[in-house]
PDB file of all heavy atoms in Angstrom:
ATOM      1  N   LEU A   1    -245.419 -88.098   4.108  1.00  0.00           N
ATOM      2  CA  LEU A   1    -246.775 -87.549   4.156  1.00  0.00           C
ATOM      3  C   LEU A   1    -246.777 -86.170   4.812  1.00  0.00           C
ATOM      4  O   LEU A   1    -246.267 -86.002   5.922  1.00  0.00           O
ATOM      5  CB  LEU A   1    -247.689 -88.502   4.940  1.00  0.00           C
ATOM      6  CG  LEU A   1    -249.130 -88.037   5.157  1.00  0.00           C
ATOM      7  CD1 LEU A   1    -249.895 -88.001   3.837  1.00  0.00           C
ATOM      8  CD2 LEU A   1    -249.838 -88.958   6.161  1.00  0.00           C
ATOM      9  N   GLN A   2    -247.359 -85.208   4.122  1.00  0.00           N
ATOM     10  CA  GLN A   2    -247.464 -83.845   4.657  1.00  0.00           C
ATOM     11  C   GLN A   2    -248.847 -83.633   5.283  1.00  0.00           C
ATOM     12  O   GLN A   2    -249.827 -84.270   4.895  1.00  0.00           O
ATOM     13  CB  GLN A   2    -247.232 -82.836   3.548  1.00  0.00           C
ATOM     14  CG  GLN A   2    -245.858 -82.945   2.901  1.00  0.00           C
ATOM     15  CD  GLN A   2    -244.731 -82.680   3.889  1.00  0.00           C
ATOM     16  OE1 GLN A   2    -244.579 -81.559   4.388  1.00  0.00           O
ATOM     17  NE2 GLN A   2    -243.938 -83.705   4.182  1.00  0.00           N
ATOM     18  N   GLY A   3    -248.910 -82.706   6.224  1.00  0.00           N
ATOM     19  CA  GLY A   3    -250.159 -82.448   6.926  1.00  0.00           C
ATOM     20  C   GLY A   3    -251.292 -82.072   5.994  1.00  0.00           C
ATOM     21  O   GLY A   3    -252.437 -82.514   6.170  1.00  0.00           O
ATOM     22  N   PHE A   4    -250.990 -81.247   4.976  1.00  0.00           N
ATOM     23  CA  PHE A   4    -252.056 -80.811   4.070  1.00  0.00           C
ATOM     24  C   PHE A   4    -252.627 -81.982   3.284  1.00  0.00           C
ATOM     25  O   PHE A   4    -253.804 -81.977   2.904  1.00  0.00           O
ATOM     26  CB  PHE A   4    -251.548 -79.713   3.130  1.00  0.00           C
ATOM     27  CG  PHE A   4    -250.705 -80.199   1.985  1.00  0.00           C
ATOM     28  CD1 PHE A   4    -251.278 -80.538   0.771  1.00  0.00           C
ATOM     29  CD2 PHE A   4    -249.326 -80.309   2.122  1.00  0.00           C
ATOM     30  CE1 PHE A   4    -250.502 -80.976  -0.294  1.00  0.00           C
ATOM     31  CE2 PHE A   4    -248.543 -80.751   1.071  1.00  0.00           C
ATOM     32  CZ  PHE A   4    -249.129 -81.089  -0.143  1.00  0.00           C
ATOM     33  N   GLN A   5    -251.779 -83.022   3.043  1.00  0.00           N
ATOM     34  CA  GLN A   5    -252.259 -84.188   2.307  1.00  0.00           C
ATOM     35  C   GLN A   5    -253.223 -85.012   3.158  1.00  0.00           C
ATOM     36  O   GLN A   5    -254.243 -85.508   2.654  1.00  0.00           O
ATOM     37  CB  GLN A   5    -251.081 -85.046   1.856  1.00  0.00           C
ATOM     38  CG  GLN A   5    -250.202 -84.362   0.811  1.00  0.00           C
ATOM     39  CD  GLN A   5    -249.005 -85.189   0.430  1.00  0.00           C
ATOM     40  OE1 GLN A   5    -248.188 -85.560   1.274  1.00  0.00           O
ATOM     41  NE2 GLN A   5    -248.882 -85.505  -0.854  1.00  0.00           N
ATOM     42  N   ALA A   6    -252.908 -85.169   4.435  1.00  0.00           N
ATOM     43  CA  ALA A   6    -253.818 -85.877   5.343  1.00  0.00           C
ATOM     44  C   ALA A   6    -255.158 -85.138   5.422  1.00  0.00           C
ATOM     45  O   ALA A   6    -256.227 -85.757   5.443  1.00  0.00           O
ATOM     46  CB  ALA A   6    -253.194 -86.005   6.727  1.00  0.00           C
ATOM     47  N   ARG A   7    -255.101 -83.800   5.416  1.00  0.00           N
ATOM     48  CA  ARG A   7    -256.336 -83.011   5.468  1.00  0.00           C
ATOM     49  C   ARG A   7    -257.127 -83.133   4.167  1.00  0.00           C
ATOM     50  O   ARG A   7    -258.360 -83.193   4.180  1.00  0.00           O
ATOM     51  CB  ARG A   7    -256.006 -81.542   5.780  1.00  0.00           C
ATOM     52  CG  ARG A   7    -255.471 -81.324   7.196  1.00  0.00           C
ATOM     53  CD  ARG A   7    -255.389 -79.853   7.556  1.00  0.00           C
ATOM     54  NE  ARG A   7    -254.353 -79.158   6.818  1.00  0.00           N
ATOM     55  CZ  ARG A   7    -253.073 -79.093   7.174  1.00  0.00           C
ATOM     56  NH1 ARG A   7    -252.657 -79.706   8.279  1.00  0.00           N
ATOM     57  NH2 ARG A   7    -252.195 -78.418   6.451  1.00  0.00           N
ATOM     58  N   LYS A   8    -256.422 -83.204   3.024  1.00  0.00           N
ATOM     59  CA  LYS A   8    -257.094 -83.387   1.734  1.00  0.00           C
ATOM     60  C   LYS A   8    -257.895 -84.688   1.720  1.00  0.00           C
ATOM     61  O   LYS A   8    -259.019 -84.747   1.207  1.00  0.00           O
ATOM     62  CB  LYS A   8    -256.071 -83.404   0.592  1.00  0.00           C
ATOM     63  CG  LYS A   8    -255.655 -82.031   0.111  1.00  0.00           C
ATOM     64  CD  LYS A   8    -254.610 -82.137  -0.993  1.00  0.00           C
ATOM     65  CE  LYS A   8    -255.177 -82.741  -2.253  1.00  0.00           C
ATOM     66  NZ  LYS A   8    -254.161 -82.770  -3.352  1.00  0.00           N
ATOM     67  N   ILE A   9    -257.301 -85.739   2.280  1.00  0.00           N
ATOM     68  CA  ILE A   9    -257.981 -87.026   2.319  1.00  0.00           C
ATOM     69  C   ILE A   9    -259.233 -86.938   3.186  1.00  0.00           C
ATOM     70  O   ILE A   9    -260.308 -87.422   2.819  1.00  0.00           O
ATOM     71  CB  ILE A   9    -257.024 -88.124   2.831  1.00  0.00           C
ATOM     72  CG1 ILE A   9    -255.905 -88.356   1.817  1.00  0.00           C
ATOM     73  CG2 ILE A   9    -257.777 -89.428   3.104  1.00  0.00           C
ATOM     74  CD1 ILE A   9    -254.734 -89.126   2.350  1.00  0.00           C
ATOM     75  N   ALA A  10    -259.100 -86.299   4.343  1.00  0.00           N
ATOM     76  CA  ALA A  10    -260.255 -86.137   5.235  1.00  0.00           C
ATOM     77  C   ALA A  10    -261.357 -85.329   4.556  1.00  0.00           C
ATOM     78  O   ALA A  10    -262.541 -85.661   4.668  1.00  0.00           O
ATOM     79  CB  ALA A  10    -259.817 -85.469   6.538  1.00  0.00           C
ATOM     80  N   PHE A  11    -260.978 -84.269   3.813  1.00  0.00           N
ATOM     81  CA  PHE A  11    -261.962 -83.476   3.065  1.00  0.00           C
ATOM     82  C   PHE A  11    -262.655 -84.331   2.008  1.00  0.00           C
ATOM     83  O   PHE A  11    -263.873 -84.246   1.818  1.00  0.00           O
ATOM     84  CB  PHE A  11    -261.283 -82.281   2.381  1.00  0.00           C
ATOM     85  CG  PHE A  11    -261.165 -81.058   3.237  1.00  0.00           C
ATOM     86  CD1 PHE A  11    -259.923 -80.476   3.474  1.00  0.00           C
ATOM     87  CD2 PHE A  11    -262.294 -80.478   3.813  1.00  0.00           C
ATOM     88  CE1 PHE A  11    -259.802 -79.347   4.262  1.00  0.00           C
ATOM     89  CE2 PHE A  11    -262.187 -79.341   4.595  1.00  0.00           C
ATOM     90  CZ  PHE A  11    -260.929 -78.777   4.825  1.00  0.00           C
ATOM     91  N   SER A  12    -261.876 -85.165   1.307  1.00  0.00           N
ATOM     92  CA  SER A  12    -262.441 -85.991   0.232  1.00  0.00           C
ATOM     93  C   SER A  12    -263.452 -86.993   0.755  1.00  0.00           C
ATOM     94  O   SER A  12    -264.307 -87.471  -0.001  1.00  0.00           O
ATOM     95  CB  SER A  12    -261.321 -86.722  -0.511  1.00  0.00           C
ATOM     96  OG  SER A  12    -260.799 -87.805   0.245  1.00  0.00           O
ATOM     97  N   LEU A  13    -263.373 -87.313   2.041  1.00  0.00           N
ATOM     98  CA  LEU A  13    -264.297 -88.273   2.650  1.00  0.00           C
ATOM     99  C   LEU A  13    -265.514 -87.578   3.272  1.00  0.00           C
ATOM    100  O   LEU A  13    -266.293 -88.215   3.988  1.00  0.00           O
ATOM    101  CB  LEU A  13    -263.554 -89.095   3.706  1.00  0.00           C
ATOM    102  CG  LEU A  13    -262.435 -89.990   3.143  1.00  0.00           C
ATOM    103  CD1 LEU A  13    -261.633 -90.630   4.273  1.00  0.00           C
ATOM    104  CD2 LEU A  13    -263.003 -91.066   2.228  1.00  0.00           C
ATOM    105  N   ASN A  14    -265.640 -86.272   2.986  1.00  0.00           N
ATOM    106  CA  ASN A  14    -266.811 -85.486   3.423  1.00  0.00           C
ATOM    107  C   ASN A  14    -266.970 -85.475   4.943  1.00  0.00           C
ATOM    108  O   ASN A  14    -268.083 -85.551   5.470  1.00  0.00           O
ATOM    109  CB  ASN A  14    -268.098 -86.024   2.777  1.00  0.00           C
ATOM    110  CG  ASN A  14    -268.052 -85.946   1.269  1.00  0.00           C
ATOM    111  OD1 ASN A  14    -267.475 -85.030   0.695  1.00  0.00           O
ATOM    112  ND2 ASN A  14    -268.652 -86.942   0.611  1.00  0.00           N
ATOM    113  N   LEU A  15    -265.848 -85.368   5.640  1.00  0.00           N
ATOM    114  CA  LEU A  15    -265.885 -85.334   7.098  1.00  0.00           C
ATOM    115  C   LEU A  15    -265.735 -83.906   7.601  1.00  0.00           C
ATOM    116  O   LEU A  15    -265.171 -83.042   6.919  1.00  0.00           O
ATOM    117  CB  LEU A  15    -264.757 -86.202   7.666  1.00  0.00           C
ATOM    118  CG  LEU A  15    -264.813 -87.686   7.287  1.00  0.00           C
ATOM    119  CD1 LEU A  15    -263.563 -88.409   7.782  1.00  0.00           C
ATOM    120  CD2 LEU A  15    -266.067 -88.348   7.848  1.00  0.00           C
ATOM    121  N   SER A  16    -266.216 -83.678   8.800  1.00  0.00           N
ATOM    122  CA  SER A  16    -266.110 -82.354   9.401  1.00  0.00           C
ATOM    123  C   SER A  16    -266.013 -82.492  10.920  1.00  0.00           C
ATOM    124  O   SER A  16    -266.260 -83.564  11.477  1.00  0.00           O
ATOM    125  CB  SER A  16    -267.320 -81.486   9.032  1.00  0.00           C
ATOM    126  OG  SER A  16    -268.521 -82.095   9.489  1.00  0.00           O
ATOM    127  N   GLY A  17    -265.652 -81.398  11.566  1.00  0.00           N
ATOM    128  CA  GLY A  17    -265.611 -81.377  13.022  1.00  0.00           C
ATOM    129  C   GLY A  17    -264.657 -82.404  13.610  1.00  0.00           C
ATOM    130  O   GLY A  17    -263.532 -82.598  13.131  1.00  0.00           O
ATOM    131  N   LYS A  18    -265.111 -83.074  14.655  1.00  0.00           N
ATOM    132  CA  LYS A  18    -264.283 -84.057  15.344  1.00  0.00           C
ATOM    133  C   LYS A  18    -263.867 -85.184  14.407  1.00  0.00           C
ATOM    134  O   LYS A  18    -262.715 -85.635  14.436  1.00  0.00           O
ATOM    135  CB  LYS A  18    -265.057 -84.624  16.539  1.00  0.00           C
ATOM    136  CG  LYS A  18    -264.292 -85.716  17.290  1.00  0.00           C
ATOM    137  CD  LYS A  18    -265.125 -86.332  18.401  1.00  0.00           C
ATOM    138  CE  LYS A  18    -264.386 -87.503  19.046  1.00  0.00           C
ATOM    139  NZ  LYS A  18    -265.223 -88.160  20.102  1.00  0.00           N
ATOM    140  N   ALA A  19    -264.794 -85.660  13.562  1.00  0.00           N
ATOM    141  CA  ALA A  19    -264.486 -86.765  12.656  1.00  0.00           C
ATOM    142  C   ALA A  19    -263.367 -86.388  11.690  1.00  0.00           C
ATOM    143  O   ALA A  19    -262.507 -87.213  11.357  1.00  0.00           O
ATOM    144  CB  ALA A  19    -265.733 -87.187  11.880  1.00  0.00           C
ATOM    145  N   PHE A  20    -263.359 -85.120  11.241  1.00  0.00           N
ATOM    146  CA  PHE A  20    -262.302 -84.639  10.348  1.00  0.00           C
ATOM    147  C   PHE A  20    -260.942 -84.721  11.046  1.00  0.00           C
ATOM    148  O   PHE A  20    -259.967 -85.241  10.492  1.00  0.00           O
ATOM    149  CB  PHE A  20    -262.610 -83.205   9.927  1.00  0.00           C
ATOM    150  CG  PHE A  20    -261.550 -82.575   9.072  1.00  0.00           C
ATOM    151  CD1 PHE A  20    -261.591 -82.695   7.698  1.00  0.00           C
ATOM    152  CD2 PHE A  20    -260.502 -81.860   9.650  1.00  0.00           C
ATOM    153  CE1 PHE A  20    -260.614 -82.115   6.907  1.00  0.00           C
ATOM    154  CE2 PHE A  20    -259.514 -81.287   8.873  1.00  0.00           C
ATOM    155  CZ  PHE A  20    -259.571 -81.410   7.494  1.00  0.00           C
ATOM    156  N   LYS A  21    -260.866 -84.197  12.257  1.00  0.00           N
ATOM    157  CA  LYS A  21    -259.602 -84.222  13.008  1.00  0.00           C
ATOM    158  C   LYS A  21    -259.152 -85.659  13.296  1.00  0.00           C
ATOM    159  O   LYS A  21    -257.964 -85.976  13.205  1.00  0.00           O
ATOM    160  CB  LYS A  21    -259.768 -83.452  14.316  1.00  0.00           C
ATOM    161  CG  LYS A  21    -260.011 -81.959  14.127  1.00  0.00           C
ATOM    162  CD  LYS A  21    -260.224 -81.265  15.469  1.00  0.00           C
ATOM    163  CE  LYS A  21    -260.491 -79.769  15.273  1.00  0.00           C
ATOM    164  NZ  LYS A  21    -260.757 -79.093  16.573  1.00  0.00           N
ATOM    165  N   GLU A  22    -260.122 -86.507  13.623  1.00  0.00           N
ATOM    166  CA  GLU A  22    -259.805 -87.915  13.896  1.00  0.00           C
ATOM    167  C   GLU A  22    -259.229 -88.601  12.652  1.00  0.00           C
ATOM    168  O   GLU A  22    -258.297 -89.385  12.741  1.00  0.00           O
ATOM    169  CB  GLU A  22    -261.067 -88.648  14.358  1.00  0.00           C
ATOM    170  CG  GLU A  22    -261.498 -88.306  15.764  1.00  0.00           C
ATOM    171  CD  GLU A  22    -260.913 -89.257  16.794  1.00  0.00           C
ATOM    172  OE1 GLU A  22    -260.731 -90.442  16.470  1.00  0.00           O
ATOM    173  OE2 GLU A  22    -260.621 -88.792  17.910  1.00  0.00           O
ATOM    174  N   MET A  23    -259.795 -88.279  11.480  1.00  0.00           N
ATOM    175  CA  MET A  23    -259.314 -88.887  10.241  1.00  0.00           C
ATOM    176  C   MET A  23    -257.902 -88.418   9.908  1.00  0.00           C
ATOM    177  O   MET A  23    -257.065 -89.203   9.449  1.00  0.00           O
ATOM    178  CB  MET A  23    -260.269 -88.593   9.092  1.00  0.00           C
ATOM    179  CG  MET A  23    -259.808 -89.168   7.747  1.00  0.00           C
ATOM    180  SD  MET A  23    -259.536 -90.980   7.756  1.00  0.00           S
ATOM    181  CE  MET A  23    -261.249 -91.563   7.734  1.00  0.00           C
ATOM    182  N   VAL A  24    -257.610 -87.143  10.110  1.00  0.00           N
ATOM    183  CA  VAL A  24    -256.263 -86.631   9.866  1.00  0.00           C
ATOM    184  C   VAL A  24    -255.247 -87.397  10.727  1.00  0.00           C
ATOM    185  O   VAL A  24    -254.198 -87.833  10.243  1.00  0.00           O
ATOM    186  CB  VAL A  24    -256.180 -85.119  10.151  1.00  0.00           C
ATOM    187  CG1 VAL A  24    -254.731 -84.632  10.108  1.00  0.00           C
ATOM    188  CG2 VAL A  24    -257.028 -84.346   9.149  1.00  0.00           C
TER     189      VAL A  24
END
């Protein structure tokens, strides 16, 4: 798993801010 892929998943779940970082 690459970092950009974890971020793509967080983006797809419509998260932002702290929740985005937590999801990554």
